[in-house]
Amino acid sequence: MDSDRLFVLTGGPGSGKTTLIEALAAAGVATSPEVGRAVIREQLATGGNALPWADQQAFAELMVVRDVAAREAALAGGHVTMLDRGVPDVAGFLRVSGLPVPPHIDEAARTCRYNARVFIAPFWPEIFTGDAERKQSPDVAEATFAVMVATYRSYDYELIELPRVSVAARLAFVVDRIGFK
């Protein structure tokens, strides 16, 4: 199945996902950046309110459209690809925000499939930092990790937890498991 070559990297904010995605790209692996950050930048630039700290439902709606598009682009690319988050992350975001998951987002998470093995970055307080696009507290970051574990399992994915090691060691861990040569 074509979706078997699409791998997802998920987890809470500040757990090293973006750094690992950048290392994978530098190593020649096709990657897809996190769409949530792009949505936040666009909303901030245009004065929009579809932000994770403002209108969470509107933010989720923009994210699901972008995550589906990112998946389709990765499929069209024809390569083993590591995506920084996937469609089920939108359901997880809503759950951690205490909001219901609308049927169309649940359906997208069920039908827009990736490789059955999903990499998850655990909460790692020693590297957690906030920034203009990541305003969550360490407690929310830790809760997000737990929700993503439950969410991806509910969509029948097998989670592979990343070790809390250097970027180079994480890179080797992932490359070995995705079969990238």
Protein backbone atom coordinates (compact mmCIF):
# COMPACT_ATOMS: atom_id res chain seq x y z
CA MET A 1 0.00 0.00 0.00
CA ASP A 2 1.32 3.47 -0.90
CA SER A 3 0.53 4.85 2.54
CA ASP A 4 3.01 2.39 4.08
CA ARG A 5 5.84 4.69 3.01
CA LEU A 6 4.34 7.62 4.92
CA PHE A 7 5.59 7.80 8.49
CA VAL A 8 4.25 10.13 11.17
CA LEU A 9 6.22 11.74 13.95
CA THR A 10 3.94 12.92 16.74
CA GLY A 11 4.12 13.86 20.42
CA GLY A 12 3.66 16.85 22.63
CA PRO A 13 5.11 20.28 21.95
CA GLY A 14 8.76 20.83 22.75
CA SER A 15 9.77 17.16 22.53
CA GLY A 16 12.27 17.50 19.69
CA LYS A 17 10.04 16.63 16.72
CA THR A 18 10.99 19.58 14.52
CA THR A 19 14.68 19.16 15.26
CA LEU A 20 14.46 15.50 14.26
CA ILE A 21 12.49 16.34 11.10
CA GLU A 22 15.23 18.82 10.14
CA ALA A 23 17.91 16.17 10.75
CA LEU A 24 15.99 13.65 8.64
CA ALA A 25 15.71 16.18 5.81
CA ALA A 26 19.44 16.91 6.04
CA ALA A 27 20.07 13.15 5.77
CA GLY A 28 18.07 13.02 2.54
CA VAL A 29 14.74 11.69 3.85
CA ALA A 30 11.68 13.35 2.31
CA THR A 31 9.87 15.28 5.05
CA SER A 32 6.74 17.33 5.53
CA PRO A 33 6.72 20.15 8.10
CA GLU A 34 4.13 20.57 10.84
CA VAL A 35 1.09 22.32 9.39
CA GLY A 36 0.00 23.75 12.73
CA ARG A 37 2.96 26.13 12.84
CA ALA A 38 2.16 27.37 9.32
CA VAL A 39 -1.46 27.98 10.30
CA ILE A 40 -0.34 29.89 13.40
CA ARG A 41 2.09 32.06 11.41
CA GLU A 42 -0.60 32.85 8.82
CA GLN A 43 -3.21 33.65 11.45
CA LEU A 44 -0.81 35.93 13.33
CA ALA A 45 0.21 37.69 10.10
CA THR A 46 -3.40 38.30 9.06
CA GLY A 47 -4.88 39.05 12.47
CA GLY A 48 -6.89 35.82 12.34
CA ASN A 49 -8.37 34.11 15.36
CA ALA A 50 -7.96 30.44 14.29
CA LEU A 51 -5.24 29.88 16.88
CA PRO A 52 -4.75 27.13 19.47
CA TRP A 53 -5.07 29.71 22.26
CA ALA A 54 -8.08 31.48 20.73
CA ASP A 55 -10.58 29.69 18.46
CA GLN A 56 -9.46 26.08 18.83
CA GLN A 57 -12.25 24.66 16.67
CA ALA A 58 -11.38 26.97 13.76
CA PHE A 59 -7.70 26.11 14.21
CA ALA A 60 -8.55 22.39 14.04
CA GLU A 61 -10.60 22.90 10.87
CA LEU A 62 -7.68 24.62 9.13
CA MET A 63 -5.27 21.97 10.37
CA VAL A 64 -7.29 18.99 9.14
CA VAL A 65 -7.50 20.45 5.63
CA ARG A 66 -3.74 21.10 5.62
CA ASP A 67 -2.87 17.69 7.11
CA VAL A 68 -4.95 15.89 4.47
CA ALA A 69 -3.22 17.98 1.77
CA ALA A 70 0.22 17.23 3.26
CA ARG A 71 -0.57 13.51 3.18
CA GLU A 72 -1.73 13.72 -0.44
CA ALA A 73 1.41 15.64 -1.44
CA ALA A 74 3.60 13.05 0.29
CA LEU A 75 1.78 10.24 -1.53
CA ALA A 76 2.26 12.05 -4.85
CA GLY A 77 5.97 12.48 -4.10
CA GLY A 78 6.51 8.74 -4.31
CA HIS A 79 9.18 8.61 -1.58
CA VAL A 80 9.48 7.33 1.96
CA THR A 81 8.36 10.46 3.82
CA MET A 82 8.36 11.53 7.46
CA LEU A 83 5.49 13.86 8.31
CA ASP A 84 5.64 16.16 11.32
CA ARG A 85 2.23 15.14 12.72
CA GLY A 86 -0.69 13.56 10.89
CA VAL A 87 -4.45 13.81 10.60
CA PRO A 88 -5.05 11.98 13.93
CA ASP A 89 -3.14 14.80 15.65
CA VAL A 90 -6.09 17.08 14.92
CA ALA A 91 -8.39 14.76 16.87
CA GLY A 92 -5.78 14.65 19.63
CA PHE A 93 -5.55 18.46 19.70
CA LEU A 94 -9.31 18.73 20.13
CA ARG A 95 -9.30 16.09 22.87
CA VAL A 96 -6.50 17.76 24.84
CA SER A 97 -8.41 21.04 24.44
CA GLY A 98 -11.52 19.43 25.96
CA LEU A 99 -13.51 19.74 22.73
CA PRO A 100 -15.48 17.06 20.91
CA VAL A 101 -14.06 15.60 17.73
CA PRO A 102 -16.52 16.33 14.90
CA PRO A 103 -17.52 13.31 12.79
CA HIS A 104 -15.75 14.63 9.66
CA ILE A 105 -12.42 14.96 11.52
CA ASP A 106 -12.83 11.51 13.06
CA GLU A 107 -13.58 10.11 9.59
CA ALA A 108 -10.52 11.84 8.11
CA ALA A 109 -8.35 10.34 10.88
CA ARG A 110 -9.78 6.88 10.16
CA THR A 111 -9.45 7.02 6.36
CA CYS A 112 -6.28 9.06 5.75
CA ARG A 113 -3.88 6.30 6.73
CA TYR A 114 -0.13 6.27 7.20
CA ASN A 115 2.34 3.50 7.97
CA ALA A 116 0.95 1.48 10.89
CA ARG A 117 4.06 2.32 12.93
CA VAL A 118 4.00 5.90 14.25
CA PHE A 119 6.96 7.52 15.98
CA ILE A 120 6.09 9.41 19.14
CA ALA A 121 8.39 11.81 20.95
CA PRO A 122 7.86 11.59 24.72
CA PHE A 123 7.59 14.61 26.96
CA TRP A 124 11.15 15.61 27.76
CA PRO A 125 11.31 18.42 30.33
CA GLU A 126 15.04 18.97 29.85
CA ILE A 127 14.58 20.14 26.25
CA PHE A 128 11.10 21.70 26.49
CA THR A 129 10.98 25.39 25.56
CA GLY A 130 8.21 27.72 24.48
CA ASP A 131 8.23 30.24 21.66
CA ALA A 132 5.86 32.60 19.81
CA GLU A 133 4.10 29.66 18.19
CA ARG A 134 4.34 27.24 21.13
CA LYS A 135 2.65 28.80 24.13
CA GLN A 136 1.78 25.59 25.95
CA SER A 137 3.06 24.99 29.47
CA PRO A 138 5.13 21.91 30.35
CA ASP A 139 2.00 20.43 31.97
CA VAL A 140 0.02 20.83 28.74
CA ALA A 141 2.94 19.39 26.75
CA GLU A 142 2.99 16.32 28.98
CA ALA A 143 -0.80 15.96 28.75
CA THR A 144 -0.59 16.29 24.96
CA PHE A 145 1.85 13.38 24.82
CA ALA A 146 -0.58 11.19 26.80
CA VAL A 147 -3.52 12.21 24.61
CA MET A 148 -1.55 11.50 21.42
CA VAL A 149 -0.70 8.03 22.72
CA ALA A 150 -4.39 7.32 23.34
CA THR A 151 -5.52 8.95 20.10
CA TYR A 152 -3.15 7.10 17.78
CA ARG A 153 -3.90 3.82 19.53
CA SER A 154 -7.63 4.46 19.08
CA TYR A 155 -6.98 4.69 15.33
CA ASP A 156 -5.09 1.37 15.39
CA TYR A 157 -1.52 2.60 15.05
CA GLU A 158 1.48 0.97 16.72
CA LEU A 159 3.52 3.55 18.61
CA ILE A 160 7.30 3.56 18.61
CA GLU A 161 8.53 5.83 21.38
CA LEU A 162 11.66 7.78 20.54
CA PRO A 163 14.48 7.42 23.05
CA ARG A 164 15.58 10.52 24.97
CA VAL A 165 19.00 10.66 23.30
CA SER A 166 20.98 13.03 21.09
CA VAL A 167 19.58 14.17 17.75
CA ALA A 168 22.14 12.00 15.93
CA ALA A 169 21.10 8.94 17.93
CA ARG A 170 17.40 9.67 17.35
CA LEU A 171 18.11 10.09 13.65
CA ALA A 172 19.86 6.70 13.49
CA PHE A 173 17.00 5.11 15.47
CA VAL A 174 14.38 6.37 13.01
CA VAL A 175 16.37 5.78 9.81
CA ASP A 176 16.96 2.19 10.86
CA ARG A 177 13.24 1.63 11.42
CA ILE A 178 11.90 3.26 8.25
CA GLY A 179 14.27 1.38 5.98
CA PHE A 180 15.80 4.51 4.47
CA LYS A 181 19.04 3.82 2.65
